[in-house]
Amino acid sequence: MKIAISIPDDLFSKVERFSRKSRISRSEVFARAVEEFFEKRQSWELLEAVNRACDLAEDPAEAKLRSRARKRYAKILSEEPY
């Protein structure tokens, strides 16, 4: 599909130089750039979702279990000969 876009002259010059040097069309440069943009955006959206999940308040039962596990493993480690 053909489209028309407006970009700053200096960006066009960079694309033009890269296109010639890499022997790929300007269209391919823009297509790859847009594809990469969406891949990065998807990664950022996933990271934000993970961060939101981690920001949720901890379940009291989980906190208690984690505390008991820490104490247990600390005891095990303290009995290990180093």
C-alpha atoms as a PDB file:
ATOM      1  CA  MET A   1       0.000   0.000   0.000  1.00  0.00           C
ATOM      2  CA  LYS A   2       1.284   3.453  -0.830  1.00  0.00           C
ATOM      3  CA  ILE A   3       1.026   6.313   1.645  1.00  0.00           C
ATOM      4  CA  ALA A   4       2.273   9.877   1.828  1.00  0.00           C
ATOM      5  CA  ILE A   5       3.953  11.134   4.992  1.00  0.00           C
ATOM      6  CA  SER A   6       5.723  14.317   6.005  1.00  0.00           C
ATOM      7  CA  ILE A   7       9.065  14.075   7.805  1.00  0.00           C
ATOM      8  CA  PRO A   8      11.775  16.599   8.621  1.00  0.00           C
ATOM      9  CA  ASP A   9      14.421  17.111   5.930  1.00  0.00           C
ATOM     10  CA  ASP A  10      17.263  15.890   8.147  1.00  0.00           C
ATOM     11  CA  LEU A  11      15.422  12.632   8.873  1.00  0.00           C
ATOM     12  CA  PHE A  12      14.749  12.132   5.176  1.00  0.00           C
ATOM     13  CA  SER A  13      18.463  12.630   4.477  1.00  0.00           C
ATOM     14  CA  LYS A  14      19.380  10.002   7.068  1.00  0.00           C
ATOM     15  CA  VAL A  15      16.904   7.538   5.566  1.00  0.00           C
ATOM     16  CA  GLU A  16      18.176   8.286   2.071  1.00  0.00           C
ATOM     17  CA  ARG A  17      21.820   7.695   3.076  1.00  0.00           C
ATOM     18  CA  PHE A  18      20.977   4.524   4.957  1.00  0.00           C
ATOM     19  CA  SER A  19      18.864   3.267   2.082  1.00  0.00           C
ATOM     20  CA  ARG A  20      21.690   3.730  -0.432  1.00  0.00           C
ATOM     21  CA  LYS A  21      24.343   2.290   1.889  1.00  0.00           C
ATOM     22  CA  SER A  22      22.232  -0.752   2.767  1.00  0.00           C
ATOM     23  CA  ARG A  23      20.863  -1.208  -0.745  1.00  0.00           C
ATOM     24  CA  ILE A  24      17.288  -1.361   0.393  1.00  0.00           C
ATOM     25  CA  SER A  25      14.442   0.883  -0.653  1.00  0.00           C
ATOM     26  CA  ARG A  26      13.280   3.820   1.444  1.00  0.00           C
ATOM     27  CA  SER A  27       9.933   2.074   1.699  1.00  0.00           C
ATOM     28  CA  GLU A  28      11.641  -0.944   3.241  1.00  0.00           C
ATOM     29  CA  VAL A  29      13.479   1.300   5.722  1.00  0.00           C
ATOM     30  CA  PHE A  30      10.203   2.842   6.847  1.00  0.00           C
ATOM     31  CA  ALA A  31       8.403  -0.514   6.939  1.00  0.00           C
ATOM     32  CA  ARG A  32      11.141  -2.015   9.118  1.00  0.00           C
ATOM     33  CA  ALA A  33      11.167   1.024  11.387  1.00  0.00           C
ATOM     34  CA  VAL A  34       7.409   0.888  11.905  1.00  0.00           C
ATOM     35  CA  GLU A  35       7.563  -2.860  12.572  1.00  0.00           C
ATOM     36  CA  GLU A  36      10.311  -2.327  15.147  1.00  0.00           C
ATOM     37  CA  PHE A  37       8.295   0.494  16.736  1.00  0.00           C
ATOM     38  CA  PHE A  38       5.323  -1.810  17.265  1.00  0.00           C
ATOM     39  CA  GLU A  39       7.509  -4.635  18.602  1.00  0.00           C
ATOM     40  CA  LYS A  40       9.060  -2.270  21.160  1.00  0.00           C
ATOM     41  CA  ARG A  41       5.661  -0.882  22.074  1.00  0.00           C
ATOM     42  CA  GLN A  42       4.346  -4.393  22.658  1.00  0.00           C
ATOM     43  CA  SER A  43       7.346  -5.112  24.889  1.00  0.00           C
ATOM     44  CA  TRP A  44       6.729  -1.912  26.859  1.00  0.00           C
ATOM     45  CA  GLU A  45       3.046  -2.778  27.275  1.00  0.00           C
ATOM     46  CA  LEU A  46       3.997  -6.211  28.612  1.00  0.00           C
ATOM     47  CA  LEU A  47       6.544  -4.675  30.984  1.00  0.00           C
ATOM     48  CA  GLU A  48       3.949  -2.191  32.245  1.00  0.00           C
ATOM     49  CA  ALA A  49       1.478  -5.045  32.850  1.00  0.00           C
ATOM     50  CA  VAL A  50       4.103  -6.976  34.813  1.00  0.00           C
ATOM     51  CA  ASN A  51       4.959  -3.861  36.835  1.00  0.00           C
ATOM     52  CA  ARG A  52       1.273  -3.271  37.618  1.00  0.00           C
ATOM     53  CA  ALA A  53       0.932  -6.874  38.779  1.00  0.00           C
ATOM     54  CA  CYS A  54       4.002  -6.515  41.000  1.00  0.00           C
ATOM     55  CA  ASP A  55       2.627  -3.310  42.511  1.00  0.00           C
ATOM     56  CA  LEU A  56      -0.457  -5.071  43.836  1.00  0.00           C
ATOM     57  CA  ALA A  57      -0.674  -5.416  47.591  1.00  0.00           C
ATOM     58  CA  GLU A  58       0.785  -8.667  48.854  1.00  0.00           C
ATOM     59  CA  ASP A  59      -1.640 -11.292  50.113  1.00  0.00           C
ATOM     60  CA  PRO A  60      -1.167 -11.714  53.897  1.00  0.00           C
ATOM     61  CA  ALA A  61      -1.001 -15.505  53.523  1.00  0.00           C
ATOM     62  CA  GLU A  62       1.798 -15.135  50.955  1.00  0.00           C
ATOM     63  CA  ALA A  63       3.692 -12.782  53.249  1.00  0.00           C
ATOM     64  CA  LYS A  64       3.408 -15.242  56.141  1.00  0.00           C
ATOM     65  CA  LEU A  65       4.525 -18.179  53.975  1.00  0.00           C
ATOM     66  CA  ARG A  66       7.474 -16.200  52.599  1.00  0.00           C
ATOM     67  CA  SER A  67       8.527 -15.186  56.107  1.00  0.00           C
ATOM     68  CA  ARG A  68       8.415 -18.789  57.334  1.00  0.00           C
ATOM     69  CA  ALA A  69      10.387 -19.956  54.288  1.00  0.00           C
ATOM     70  CA  ARG A  70      13.084 -17.341  54.909  1.00  0.00           C
ATOM     71  CA  LYS A  71      13.445 -18.442  58.521  1.00  0.00           C
ATOM     72  CA  ARG A  72      13.601 -22.094  57.491  1.00  0.00           C
ATOM     73  CA  TYR A  73      16.257 -21.525  54.829  1.00  0.00           C
ATOM     74  CA  ALA A  74      18.245 -19.262  57.154  1.00  0.00           C
ATOM     75  CA  LYS A  75      18.292 -22.072  59.715  1.00  0.00           C
ATOM     76  CA  ILE A  76      19.371 -24.610  57.075  1.00  0.00           C
ATOM     77  CA  LEU A  77      22.155 -22.313  55.877  1.00  0.00           C
ATOM     78  CA  SER A  78      23.341 -21.593  59.398  1.00  0.00           C
ATOM     79  CA  GLU A  79      23.832 -25.333  59.952  1.00  0.00           C
ATOM     80  CA  GLU A  80      25.919 -25.738  56.786  1.00  0.00           C
ATOM     81  CA  PRO A  81      29.675 -26.032  57.352  1.00  0.00           C
ATOM     82  CA  TYR A  82      31.486 -23.418  55.302  1.00  0.00           C
END
